[in-house]
Amino acid sequence: MKCATVAIIGRPSAGKSTLLNTICEMKVSITAATPQTTRNAIRGIYTDSRGQLIFTDTPGFHLSEKTMNKRLQETALKSLEESDVVLYLLDAKRSAGEEEMTLASHVSKLKTPVICVINKADILTVKETEEAKAFLEQVLPDRTVLTASGKLDEGVDEILIELFKFAPEGELLYPEDAYTDQNLEFRISEILREKAINLVTEELPHAIYVEIADIEYDEPANTVWVRAFIIVERETQKGIVVGKGGANIAKIRKQAEPEIRQIFPKKKLRLDLRVKAQDKWRNNSIVLDRILR
């Protein structure tokens, strides 16, 4: 039996969260068109007859002098040092500029085994794929290079085969049916944040987070009540999330409920979802606190 920790690293929107969700066959990390949606290091767990792989989906590596982005960089790079294997995802639809070179430089210095994956193979041209292979050969020579599509579940079995080759012998760290170590509140809040971001991404791409106020179980009625707040920075932003006549908040609830129900199988779900504003200084401090945890 083998057991390994795997850090998934790559630039924003390289498809890290989509690949992780495909591997775990469950929603572990949220996905959105907005770059840097993942703010924390998210763990997903895959187990089969070969053993167990514990993945960390890191925030997208992005060069910036902003305090928040630097914290995200630190979170991503720290995960590399603490893992048994590194899975480096390259989005070949974008040219490799300074950001990709900087990330590859960090990865090249690791003593940890590195597996390179050219992701989004379903939409790449032959030229883009060849250019990506040439880039990896230059910056990360002698590393295994695979092509895959996390979105279409193509090439994922080959990734797992390579990961288990590098995985050390060891006992399982989590139960066989576990797919994440996130607590209930975090999982629900991330689902709601994903739906809100996808709906109002142009107006409020990063000014949203979610607070779970209460989770209550009504055993006689076989019902779970979840009360949550979508929190924006300013009072004037509330209307954007609520929408005309409550249309947006209704869409967020409708889209989130099926995924939240998966967390509570065979139970009825009642989702009480509201929007509130925080003072800007307080909101920023809360977000940074969540990142640093």
C-alpha atoms as a PDB file:
ATOM      1  CA  MET A   1       0.000   0.000   0.000  1.00  0.00           C
ATOM      2  CA  LYS A   2       1.237   3.465  -0.890  1.00  0.00           C
ATOM      3  CA  CYS A   3       0.406   6.904   0.464  1.00  0.00           C
ATOM      4  CA  ALA A   4       1.618  10.289  -0.784  1.00  0.00           C
ATOM      5  CA  THR A   5       0.885  13.983  -0.491  1.00  0.00           C
ATOM      6  CA  VAL A   6       0.685  15.776  -3.852  1.00  0.00           C
ATOM      7  CA  ALA A   7       0.847  19.541  -4.404  1.00  0.00           C
ATOM      8  CA  ILE A   8      -0.852  20.845  -7.554  1.00  0.00           C
ATOM      9  CA  ILE A   9       0.843  24.028  -8.730  1.00  0.00           C
ATOM     10  CA  GLY A  10       0.296  26.313 -11.710  1.00  0.00           C
ATOM     11  CA  ARG A  11      -0.654  29.787 -12.815  1.00  0.00           C
ATOM     12  CA  PRO A  12      -4.184  31.121 -12.207  1.00  0.00           C
ATOM     13  CA  SER A  13      -6.812  29.393 -14.363  1.00  0.00           C
ATOM     14  CA  ALA A  14      -4.457  26.558 -15.365  1.00  0.00           C
ATOM     15  CA  GLY A  15      -7.228  24.097 -14.455  1.00  0.00           C
ATOM     16  CA  LYS A  16      -5.916  22.883 -11.103  1.00  0.00           C
ATOM     17  CA  SER A  17      -9.290  22.840  -9.341  1.00  0.00           C
ATOM     18  CA  THR A  18     -11.053  21.183 -12.282  1.00  0.00           C
ATOM     19  CA  LEU A  19      -8.422  18.424 -12.407  1.00  0.00           C
ATOM     20  CA  LEU A  20      -8.652  17.836  -8.663  1.00  0.00           C
ATOM     21  CA  ASN A  21     -12.444  17.570  -8.780  1.00  0.00           C
ATOM     22  CA  THR A  22     -12.193  15.103 -11.669  1.00  0.00           C
ATOM     23  CA  ILE A  23      -9.694  12.932  -9.826  1.00  0.00           C
ATOM     24  CA  CYS A  24     -11.720  12.891  -6.604  1.00  0.00           C
ATOM     25  CA  GLU A  25     -15.033  12.522  -8.509  1.00  0.00           C
ATOM     26  CA  MET A  26     -16.558  15.085  -6.159  1.00  0.00           C
ATOM     27  CA  LYS A  27     -16.612  18.894  -5.763  1.00  0.00           C
ATOM     28  CA  VAL A  28     -13.522  19.546  -3.656  1.00  0.00           C
ATOM     29  CA  SER A  29     -12.303  22.876  -4.986  1.00  0.00           C
ATOM     30  CA  ILE A  30     -14.407  25.590  -6.604  1.00  0.00           C
ATOM     31  CA  THR A  31     -13.947  26.655 -10.202  1.00  0.00           C
ATOM     32  CA  ALA A  32     -14.689  29.974 -11.875  1.00  0.00           C
ATOM     33  CA  ALA A  33     -13.662  31.995 -14.902  1.00  0.00           C
ATOM     34  CA  THR A  34     -12.168  34.595 -12.541  1.00  0.00           C
ATOM     35  CA  PRO A  35      -8.434  33.969 -11.900  1.00  0.00           C
ATOM     36  CA  GLN A  36      -7.282  33.184  -8.349  1.00  0.00           C
ATOM     37  CA  THR A  37     -10.640  31.881  -7.175  1.00  0.00           C
ATOM     38  CA  THR A  38      -8.852  29.405  -4.891  1.00  0.00           C
ATOM     39  CA  ARG A  39      -7.634  31.377  -1.858  1.00  0.00           C
ATOM     40  CA  ASN A  40      -6.704  28.543   0.488  1.00  0.00           C
ATOM     41  CA  ALA A  41      -4.716  25.336   0.081  1.00  0.00           C
ATOM     42  CA  ILE A  42      -7.516  22.828  -0.555  1.00  0.00           C
ATOM     43  CA  ARG A  43      -7.023  19.119   0.129  1.00  0.00           C
ATOM     44  CA  GLY A  44      -8.661  16.374  -1.909  1.00  0.00           C
ATOM     45  CA  ILE A  45      -8.242  12.652  -1.298  1.00  0.00           C
ATOM     46  CA  TYR A  46      -8.103   9.832  -3.844  1.00  0.00           C
ATOM     47  CA  THR A  47      -7.990   6.172  -2.762  1.00  0.00           C
ATOM     48  CA  ASP A  48      -7.948   2.933  -4.730  1.00  0.00           C
ATOM     49  CA  SER A  49      -6.352  -0.516  -4.461  1.00  0.00           C
ATOM     50  CA  ARG A  50      -2.879   0.997  -4.971  1.00  0.00           C
ATOM     51  CA  GLY A  51      -3.120   3.309  -1.974  1.00  0.00           C
ATOM     52  CA  GLN A  52      -4.000   6.924  -1.237  1.00  0.00           C
ATOM     53  CA  LEU A  53      -3.057  10.271  -2.762  1.00  0.00           C
ATOM     54  CA  ILE A  54      -3.716  13.424  -0.739  1.00  0.00           C
ATOM     55  CA  PHE A  55      -3.822  16.424  -3.069  1.00  0.00           C
ATOM     56  CA  THR A  56      -3.370  20.075  -2.200  1.00  0.00           C
ATOM     57  CA  ASP A  57      -4.932  22.475  -4.706  1.00  0.00           C
ATOM     58  CA  THR A  58      -2.864  25.615  -4.219  1.00  0.00           C
ATOM     59  CA  PRO A  59      -3.860  29.185  -5.100  1.00  0.00           C
ATOM     60  CA  GLY A  60      -2.765  30.141  -8.612  1.00  0.00           C
ATOM     61  CA  PHE A  61       0.790  31.491  -8.685  1.00  0.00           C
ATOM     62  CA  HIS A  62       0.545  35.152  -9.704  1.00  0.00           C
ATOM     63  CA  LEU A  63       3.282  37.804  -9.692  1.00  0.00           C
ATOM     64  CA  SER A  64       2.107  40.909  -7.856  1.00  0.00           C
ATOM     65  CA  GLU A  65       3.251  43.265  -5.131  1.00  0.00           C
ATOM     66  CA  LYS A  66      -0.209  43.394  -3.558  1.00  0.00           C
ATOM     67  CA  THR A  67      -0.228  41.979  -0.037  1.00  0.00           C
ATOM     68  CA  MET A  68      -2.987  39.462  -0.766  1.00  0.00           C
ATOM     69  CA  ASN A  69      -1.307  38.119  -3.903  1.00  0.00           C
ATOM     70  CA  LYS A  70       2.024  37.767  -2.101  1.00  0.00           C
ATOM     71  CA  ARG A  71       0.269  35.757   0.621  1.00  0.00           C
ATOM     72  CA  LEU A  72      -1.232  33.511  -2.065  1.00  0.00           C
ATOM     73  CA  GLN A  73       2.243  33.002  -3.568  1.00  0.00           C
ATOM     74  CA  GLU A  74       3.609  32.016  -0.160  1.00  0.00           C
ATOM     75  CA  THR A  75       0.740  29.559   0.371  1.00  0.00           C
ATOM     76  CA  ALA A  76       1.395  27.942  -3.010  1.00  0.00           C
ATOM     77  CA  LEU A  77       5.183  27.641  -2.592  1.00  0.00           C
ATOM     78  CA  LYS A  78       4.946  26.346   0.970  1.00  0.00           C
ATOM     79  CA  SER A  79       2.798  23.448  -0.241  1.00  0.00           C
ATOM     80  CA  LEU A  80       5.577  22.360  -2.618  1.00  0.00           C
ATOM     81  CA  GLU A  81       8.081  21.964   0.195  1.00  0.00           C
ATOM     82  CA  GLU A  82       5.712  19.879   2.308  1.00  0.00           C
ATOM     83  CA  SER A  83       4.655  17.370  -0.382  1.00  0.00           C
ATOM     84  CA  ASP A  84       5.956  13.984  -1.550  1.00  0.00           C
ATOM     85  CA  VAL A  85       5.254  14.753  -5.220  1.00  0.00           C
ATOM     86  CA  VAL A  86       4.550  17.963  -7.161  1.00  0.00           C
ATOM     87  CA  LEU A  87       2.079  18.074 -10.053  1.00  0.00           C
ATOM     88  CA  TYR A  88       2.945  21.090 -12.204  1.00  0.00           C
ATOM     89  CA  LEU A  89       0.131  22.147 -14.535  1.00  0.00           C
ATOM     90  CA  LEU A  90       0.859  24.186 -17.640  1.00  0.00           C
ATOM     91  CA  ASP A  91      -1.883  25.966 -19.581  1.00  0.00           C
ATOM     92  CA  ALA A  92      -0.461  25.949 -23.110  1.00  0.00           C
ATOM     93  CA  LYS A  93      -3.208  28.241 -24.423  1.00  0.00           C
ATOM     94  CA  ARG A  94      -1.199  31.088 -22.868  1.00  0.00           C
ATOM     95  CA  SER A  95       2.394  31.882 -23.732  1.00  0.00           C
ATOM     96  CA  ALA A  96       5.000  31.326 -21.042  1.00  0.00           C
ATOM     97  CA  GLY A  97       5.995  34.790 -19.858  1.00  0.00           C
ATOM     98  CA  GLU A  98       7.769  36.065 -16.749  1.00  0.00           C
ATOM     99  CA  GLU A  99       5.152  34.577 -14.406  1.00  0.00           C
ATOM    100  CA  GLU A 100       5.506  31.039 -15.818  1.00  0.00           C
ATOM    101  CA  MET A 101       9.298  31.322 -15.887  1.00  0.00           C
ATOM    102  CA  THR A 102       9.370  32.410 -12.227  1.00  0.00           C
ATOM    103  CA  LEU A 103       7.138  29.532 -11.176  1.00  0.00           C
ATOM    104  CA  ALA A 104       9.134  27.014 -13.217  1.00  0.00           C
ATOM    105  CA  SER A 105      12.318  28.324 -11.614  1.00  0.00           C
ATOM    106  CA  HIS A 106      10.914  27.605  -8.148  1.00  0.00           C
ATOM    107  CA  VAL A 107       9.827  24.133  -9.232  1.00  0.00           C
ATOM    108  CA  SER A 108      13.204  23.332 -10.832  1.00  0.00           C
ATOM    109  CA  LYS A 109      14.984  23.829  -7.499  1.00  0.00           C
ATOM    110  CA  LEU A 110      12.870  21.237  -5.705  1.00  0.00           C
ATOM    111  CA  LYS A 111      14.327  17.916  -4.636  1.00  0.00           C
ATOM    112  CA  THR A 112      10.781  16.566  -4.643  1.00  0.00           C
ATOM    113  CA  PRO A 113       9.739  14.503  -7.714  1.00  0.00           C
ATOM    114  CA  VAL A 114       7.881  16.660 -10.252  1.00  0.00           C
ATOM    115  CA  ILE A 115       5.363  15.488 -12.845  1.00  0.00           C
ATOM    116  CA  CYS A 116       4.521  18.040 -15.553  1.00  0.00           C
ATOM    117  CA  VAL A 117       1.053  18.065 -17.082  1.00  0.00           C
ATOM    118  CA  ILE A 118       0.105  20.046 -20.182  1.00  0.00           C
ATOM    119  CA  ASN A 119      -3.539  20.647 -19.310  1.00  0.00           C
ATOM    120  CA  LYS A 120      -6.573  21.541 -21.475  1.00  0.00           C
ATOM    121  CA  ALA A 121      -5.433  19.145 -24.201  1.00  0.00           C
ATOM    122  CA  ASP A 122      -8.981  19.122 -25.586  1.00  0.00           C
ATOM    123  CA  ILE A 123      -8.612  22.709 -26.856  1.00  0.00           C
ATOM    124  CA  LEU A 124      -4.901  22.811 -27.759  1.00  0.00           C
ATOM    125  CA  THR A 125      -3.507  22.883 -31.271  1.00  0.00           C
ATOM    126  CA  VAL A 126      -0.602  20.643 -32.243  1.00  0.00           C
ATOM    127  CA  LYS A 127       1.652  23.711 -32.358  1.00  0.00           C
ATOM    128  CA  GLU A 128       0.634  24.816 -28.839  1.00  0.00           C
ATOM    129  CA  THR A 129       1.280  21.336 -27.458  1.00  0.00           C
ATOM    130  CA  GLU A 130       4.713  21.122 -29.089  1.00  0.00           C
ATOM    131  CA  GLU A 131       5.668  24.584 -27.842  1.00  0.00           C
ATOM    132  CA  ALA A 132       4.634  23.603 -24.306  1.00  0.00           C
ATOM    133  CA  LYS A 133       6.742  20.434 -24.464  1.00  0.00           C
ATOM    134  CA  ALA A 134       9.735  22.445 -25.692  1.00  0.00           C
ATOM    135  CA  PHE A 135       9.320  24.928 -22.851  1.00  0.00           C
ATOM    136  CA  LEU A 136       9.181  22.170 -20.237  1.00  0.00           C
ATOM    137  CA  GLU A 137      12.196  20.447 -21.741  1.00  0.00           C
ATOM    138  CA  GLN A 138      14.104  23.715 -21.406  1.00  0.00           C
ATOM    139  CA  VAL A 139      13.104  24.694 -17.847  1.00  0.00           C
ATOM    140  CA  LEU A 140      12.394  21.274 -16.312  1.00  0.00           C
ATOM    141  CA  PRO A 141      14.532  18.749 -18.209  1.00  0.00           C
ATOM    142  CA  ASP A 142      14.253  15.027 -17.419  1.00  0.00           C
ATOM    143  CA  ARG A 143      10.831  15.428 -15.777  1.00  0.00           C
ATOM    144  CA  THR A 144       7.889  13.288 -16.812  1.00  0.00           C
ATOM    145  CA  VAL A 145       5.613  15.251 -19.172  1.00  0.00           C
ATOM    146  CA  LEU A 146       1.982  14.227 -19.745  1.00  0.00           C
ATOM    147  CA  THR A 147      -0.933  15.793 -21.607  1.00  0.00           C
ATOM    148  CA  ALA A 148      -4.437  15.773 -20.150  1.00  0.00           C
ATOM    149  CA  SER A 149      -7.828  17.399 -20.002  1.00  0.00           C
ATOM    150  CA  GLY A 150      -9.160  17.675 -16.476  1.00  0.00           C
ATOM    151  CA  LYS A 151     -12.439  18.956 -17.872  1.00  0.00           C
ATOM    152  CA  LEU A 152     -13.055  15.892 -20.070  1.00  0.00           C
ATOM    153  CA  ASP A 153     -11.329  13.357 -17.783  1.00  0.00           C
ATOM    154  CA  GLU A 154      -8.738  12.546 -20.449  1.00  0.00           C
ATOM    155  CA  GLY A 155      -5.242  11.481 -19.459  1.00  0.00           C
ATOM    156  CA  VAL A 156      -6.163  11.404 -15.762  1.00  0.00           C
ATOM    157  CA  ASP A 157      -5.486   7.662 -15.364  1.00  0.00           C
ATOM    158  CA  GLU A 158      -1.970   8.217 -16.733  1.00  0.00           C
ATOM    159  CA  ILE A 159      -1.416  10.984 -14.173  1.00  0.00           C
ATOM    160  CA  LEU A 160      -2.462   8.658 -11.348  1.00  0.00           C
ATOM    161  CA  ILE A 161      -0.155   5.914 -12.616  1.00  0.00           C
ATOM    162  CA  GLU A 162       2.839   8.289 -12.530  1.00  0.00           C
ATOM    163  CA  LEU A 163       1.928   9.654  -9.101  1.00  0.00           C
ATOM    164  CA  PHE A 164       1.738   6.181  -7.574  1.00  0.00           C
ATOM    165  CA  LYS A 165       5.167   5.377  -9.054  1.00  0.00           C
ATOM    166  CA  PHE A 166       6.662   8.115  -6.872  1.00  0.00           C
ATOM    167  CA  ALA A 167       4.443   7.525  -3.826  1.00  0.00           C
ATOM    168  CA  PRO A 168       6.254   6.018  -0.826  1.00  0.00           C
ATOM    169  CA  GLU A 169       4.996   2.928   0.975  1.00  0.00           C
ATOM    170  CA  GLY A 170       2.679   3.783   3.843  1.00  0.00           C
ATOM    171  CA  GLU A 171      -0.657   3.245   5.515  1.00  0.00           C
ATOM    172  CA  LEU A 172      -3.746   5.219   4.564  1.00  0.00           C
ATOM    173  CA  LEU A 173      -4.079   8.520   6.422  1.00  0.00           C
ATOM    174  CA  TYR A 174      -7.815   8.885   5.766  1.00  0.00           C
ATOM    175  CA  PRO A 175     -10.772   6.479   5.499  1.00  0.00           C
ATOM    176  CA  GLU A 176     -11.183   4.873   2.066  1.00  0.00           C
ATOM    177  CA  ASP A 177     -14.422   6.766   1.342  1.00  0.00           C
ATOM    178  CA  ALA A 178     -13.031  10.225   2.243  1.00  0.00           C
ATOM    179  CA  TYR A 179     -12.583  12.698  -0.600  1.00  0.00           C
ATOM    180  CA  THR A 180     -11.607  15.822   1.386  1.00  0.00           C
ATOM    181  CA  ASP A 181     -10.611  16.884   4.901  1.00  0.00           C
ATOM    182  CA  GLN A 182     -12.474  20.205   4.752  1.00  0.00           C
ATOM    183  CA  ASN A 183     -15.026  20.844   7.490  1.00  0.00           C
ATOM    184  CA  LEU A 184     -18.714  21.200   6.650  1.00  0.00           C
ATOM    185  CA  GLU A 185     -18.841  24.973   7.010  1.00  0.00           C
ATOM    186  CA  PHE A 186     -15.912  25.516   4.661  1.00  0.00           C
ATOM    187  CA  ARG A 187     -17.255  23.160   1.983  1.00  0.00           C
ATOM    188  CA  ILE A 188     -20.672  24.789   1.969  1.00  0.00           C
ATOM    189  CA  SER A 189     -19.260  28.320   2.009  1.00  0.00           C
ATOM    190  CA  GLU A 190     -16.987  27.544  -0.965  1.00  0.00           C
ATOM    191  CA  ILE A 191     -19.889  26.165  -3.018  1.00  0.00           C
ATOM    192  CA  LEU A 192     -21.888  29.320  -2.363  1.00  0.00           C
ATOM    193  CA  ARG A 193     -18.877  31.549  -3.100  1.00  0.00           C
ATOM    194  CA  GLU A 194     -18.333  29.789  -6.423  1.00  0.00           C
ATOM    195  CA  LYS A 195     -21.929  30.346  -7.526  1.00  0.00           C
ATOM    196  CA  ALA A 196     -21.872  33.993  -6.443  1.00  0.00           C
ATOM    197  CA  ILE A 197     -18.547  34.703  -8.173  1.00  0.00           C
ATOM    198  CA  ASN A 198     -19.671  33.047 -11.406  1.00  0.00           C
ATOM    199  CA  LEU A 199     -22.847  35.130 -11.412  1.00  0.00           C
ATOM    200  CA  VAL A 200     -21.380  38.564 -10.685  1.00  0.00           C
ATOM    201  CA  THR A 201     -17.754  38.015 -11.699  1.00  0.00           C
ATOM    202  CA  GLU A 202     -17.504  41.220 -13.747  1.00  0.00           C
ATOM    203  CA  GLU A 203     -18.888  43.494 -11.043  1.00  0.00           C
ATOM    204  CA  LEU A 204     -17.399  41.907  -7.895  1.00  0.00           C
ATOM    205  CA  PRO A 205     -14.742  39.343  -8.827  1.00  0.00           C
ATOM    206  CA  HIS A 206     -12.952  39.167  -5.468  1.00  0.00           C
ATOM    207  CA  ALA A 207     -15.119  41.244  -3.141  1.00  0.00           C
ATOM    208  CA  ILE A 208     -17.194  38.262  -2.015  1.00  0.00           C
ATOM    209  CA  TYR A 209     -16.849  35.689   0.720  1.00  0.00           C
ATOM    210  CA  VAL A 210     -19.376  33.555   2.574  1.00  0.00           C
ATOM    211  CA  GLU A 211     -20.059  33.091   6.252  1.00  0.00           C
ATOM    212  CA  ILE A 212     -22.027  30.083   7.510  1.00  0.00           C
ATOM    213  CA  ALA A 213     -24.093  31.352  10.425  1.00  0.00           C
ATOM    214  CA  ASP A 214     -25.677  28.060  11.457  1.00  0.00           C
ATOM    215  CA  ILE A 215     -26.242  24.428  10.476  1.00  0.00           C
ATOM    216  CA  GLU A 216     -29.207  22.852  12.235  1.00  0.00           C
ATOM    217  CA  TYR A 217     -30.413  19.252  12.035  1.00  0.00           C
ATOM    218  CA  ASP A 218     -34.123  18.468  12.387  1.00  0.00           C
ATOM    219  CA  GLU A 219     -34.063  14.700  12.825  1.00  0.00           C
ATOM    220  CA  PRO A 220     -37.862  14.116  13.007  1.00  0.00           C
ATOM    221  CA  ALA A 221     -38.284  15.978   9.702  1.00  0.00           C
ATOM    222  CA  ASN A 222     -35.071  14.489   8.238  1.00  0.00           C
ATOM    223  CA  THR A 223     -34.058  18.034   7.310  1.00  0.00           C
ATOM    224  CA  VAL A 224     -30.860  20.106   7.436  1.00  0.00           C
ATOM    225  CA  TRP A 225     -31.188  23.880   7.770  1.00  0.00           C
ATOM    226  CA  VAL A 226     -28.242  25.941   6.528  1.00  0.00           C
ATOM    227  CA  ARG A 227     -28.202  29.670   7.204  1.00  0.00           C
ATOM    228  CA  ALA A 228     -25.531  31.599   5.337  1.00  0.00           C
ATOM    229  CA  PHE A 229     -24.509  35.156   4.485  1.00  0.00           C
ATOM    230  CA  ILE A 230     -22.882  36.262   1.251  1.00  0.00           C
ATOM    231  CA  ILE A 231     -20.719  39.158   2.394  1.00  0.00           C
ATOM    232  CA  VAL A 232     -19.638  42.072   0.218  1.00  0.00           C
ATOM    233  CA  GLU A 233     -17.383  45.001   1.032  1.00  0.00           C
ATOM    234  CA  ARG A 234     -19.848  47.871   0.760  1.00  0.00           C
ATOM    235  CA  GLU A 235     -23.550  48.455   1.265  1.00  0.00           C
ATOM    236  CA  THR A 236     -23.871  49.649  -2.345  1.00  0.00           C
ATOM    237  CA  GLN A 237     -22.729  46.209  -3.599  1.00  0.00           C
ATOM    238  CA  LYS A 238     -25.536  44.270  -1.955  1.00  0.00           C
ATOM    239  CA  GLY A 239     -27.978  45.042  -4.745  1.00  0.00           C
ATOM    240  CA  ILE A 240     -25.648  43.477  -7.330  1.00  0.00           C
ATOM    241  CA  VAL A 241     -25.680  40.124  -5.537  1.00  0.00           C
ATOM    242  CA  VAL A 242     -29.386  40.233  -4.668  1.00  0.00           C
ATOM    243  CA  GLY A 243     -30.383  41.261  -8.185  1.00  0.00           C
ATOM    244  CA  LYS A 244     -33.593  42.817  -9.407  1.00  0.00           C
ATOM    245  CA  GLY A 245     -36.493  41.385  -7.444  1.00  0.00           C
ATOM    246  CA  GLY A 246     -34.087  38.923  -5.784  1.00  0.00           C
ATOM    247  CA  ALA A 247     -33.284  37.239  -9.120  1.00  0.00           C
ATOM    248  CA  ASN A 248     -29.537  36.789  -8.523  1.00  0.00           C
ATOM    249  CA  ILE A 249     -29.800  35.451  -4.990  1.00  0.00           C
ATOM    250  CA  ALA A 250     -32.437  32.990  -6.222  1.00  0.00           C
ATOM    251  CA  LYS A 251     -30.066  31.781  -8.985  1.00  0.00           C
ATOM    252  CA  ILE A 252     -27.222  31.336  -6.502  1.00  0.00           C
ATOM    253  CA  ARG A 253     -29.470  29.293  -4.215  1.00  0.00           C
ATOM    254  CA  LYS A 254     -30.803  27.161  -7.072  1.00  0.00           C
ATOM    255  CA  GLN A 255     -27.325  26.396  -8.414  1.00  0.00           C
ATOM    256  CA  ALA A 256     -25.819  25.660  -4.984  1.00  0.00           C
ATOM    257  CA  GLU A 257     -28.536  23.439  -3.530  1.00  0.00           C
ATOM    258  CA  PRO A 258     -27.825  20.285  -5.632  1.00  0.00           C
ATOM    259  CA  GLU A 259     -24.137  20.305  -4.654  1.00  0.00           C
ATOM    260  CA  ILE A 260     -24.848  21.011  -0.982  1.00  0.00           C
ATOM    261  CA  ARG A 261     -27.373  18.153  -0.940  1.00  0.00           C
ATOM    262  CA  GLN A 262     -24.549  15.778  -1.912  1.00  0.00           C
ATOM    263  CA  ILE A 263     -22.920  16.624   1.411  1.00  0.00           C
ATOM    264  CA  PHE A 264     -26.092  15.524   3.243  1.00  0.00           C
ATOM    265  CA  PRO A 265     -27.287  12.452   1.320  1.00  0.00           C
ATOM    266  CA  LYS A 266     -30.892  11.311   1.896  1.00  0.00           C
ATOM    267  CA  LYS A 267     -31.741  14.485   3.835  1.00  0.00           C
ATOM    268  CA  LYS A 268     -33.949  17.403   2.866  1.00  0.00           C
ATOM    269  CA  LEU A 269     -32.164  20.744   2.585  1.00  0.00           C
ATOM    270  CA  ARG A 270     -33.418  24.176   3.575  1.00  0.00           C
ATOM    271  CA  LEU A 271     -31.023  26.936   2.559  1.00  0.00           C
ATOM    272  CA  ASP A 272     -31.534  30.385   4.076  1.00  0.00           C
ATOM    273  CA  LEU A 273     -29.269  32.682   2.059  1.00  0.00           C
ATOM    274  CA  ARG A 274     -28.877  36.417   2.657  1.00  0.00           C
ATOM    275  CA  VAL A 275     -26.497  39.227   1.708  1.00  0.00           C
ATOM    276  CA  LYS A 276     -24.803  41.697   4.038  1.00  0.00           C
ATOM    277  CA  ALA A 277     -21.986  44.236   3.887  1.00  0.00           C
ATOM    278  CA  GLN A 278     -18.892  44.691   5.999  1.00  0.00           C
ATOM    279  CA  ASP A 279     -16.736  47.765   6.499  1.00  0.00           C
ATOM    280  CA  LYS A 280     -13.885  47.567   3.994  1.00  0.00           C
ATOM    281  CA  TRP A 281     -11.105  47.446   6.548  1.00  0.00           C
ATOM    282  CA  ARG A 282     -12.795  44.615   8.436  1.00  0.00           C
ATOM    283  CA  ASN A 283     -13.516  42.643   5.292  1.00  0.00           C
ATOM    284  CA  ASN A 284      -9.865  42.766   4.186  1.00  0.00           C
ATOM    285  CA  SER A 285      -8.641  41.603   7.566  1.00  0.00           C
ATOM    286  CA  ILE A 286     -11.047  38.654   7.541  1.00  0.00           C
ATOM    287  CA  VAL A 287      -9.995  37.585   4.061  1.00  0.00           C
ATOM    288  CA  LEU A 288      -6.296  37.733   4.978  1.00  0.00           C
ATOM    289  CA  ASP A 289      -6.958  35.799   8.149  1.00  0.00           C
ATOM    290  CA  ARG A 290      -8.657  33.046   6.128  1.00  0.00           C
ATOM    291  CA  ILE A 291      -5.717  32.879   3.722  1.00  0.00           C
ATOM    292  CA  LEU A 292      -3.158  32.592   6.523  1.00  0.00           C
ATOM    293  CA  ARG A 293      -4.992  29.843   8.374  1.00  0.00           C
END
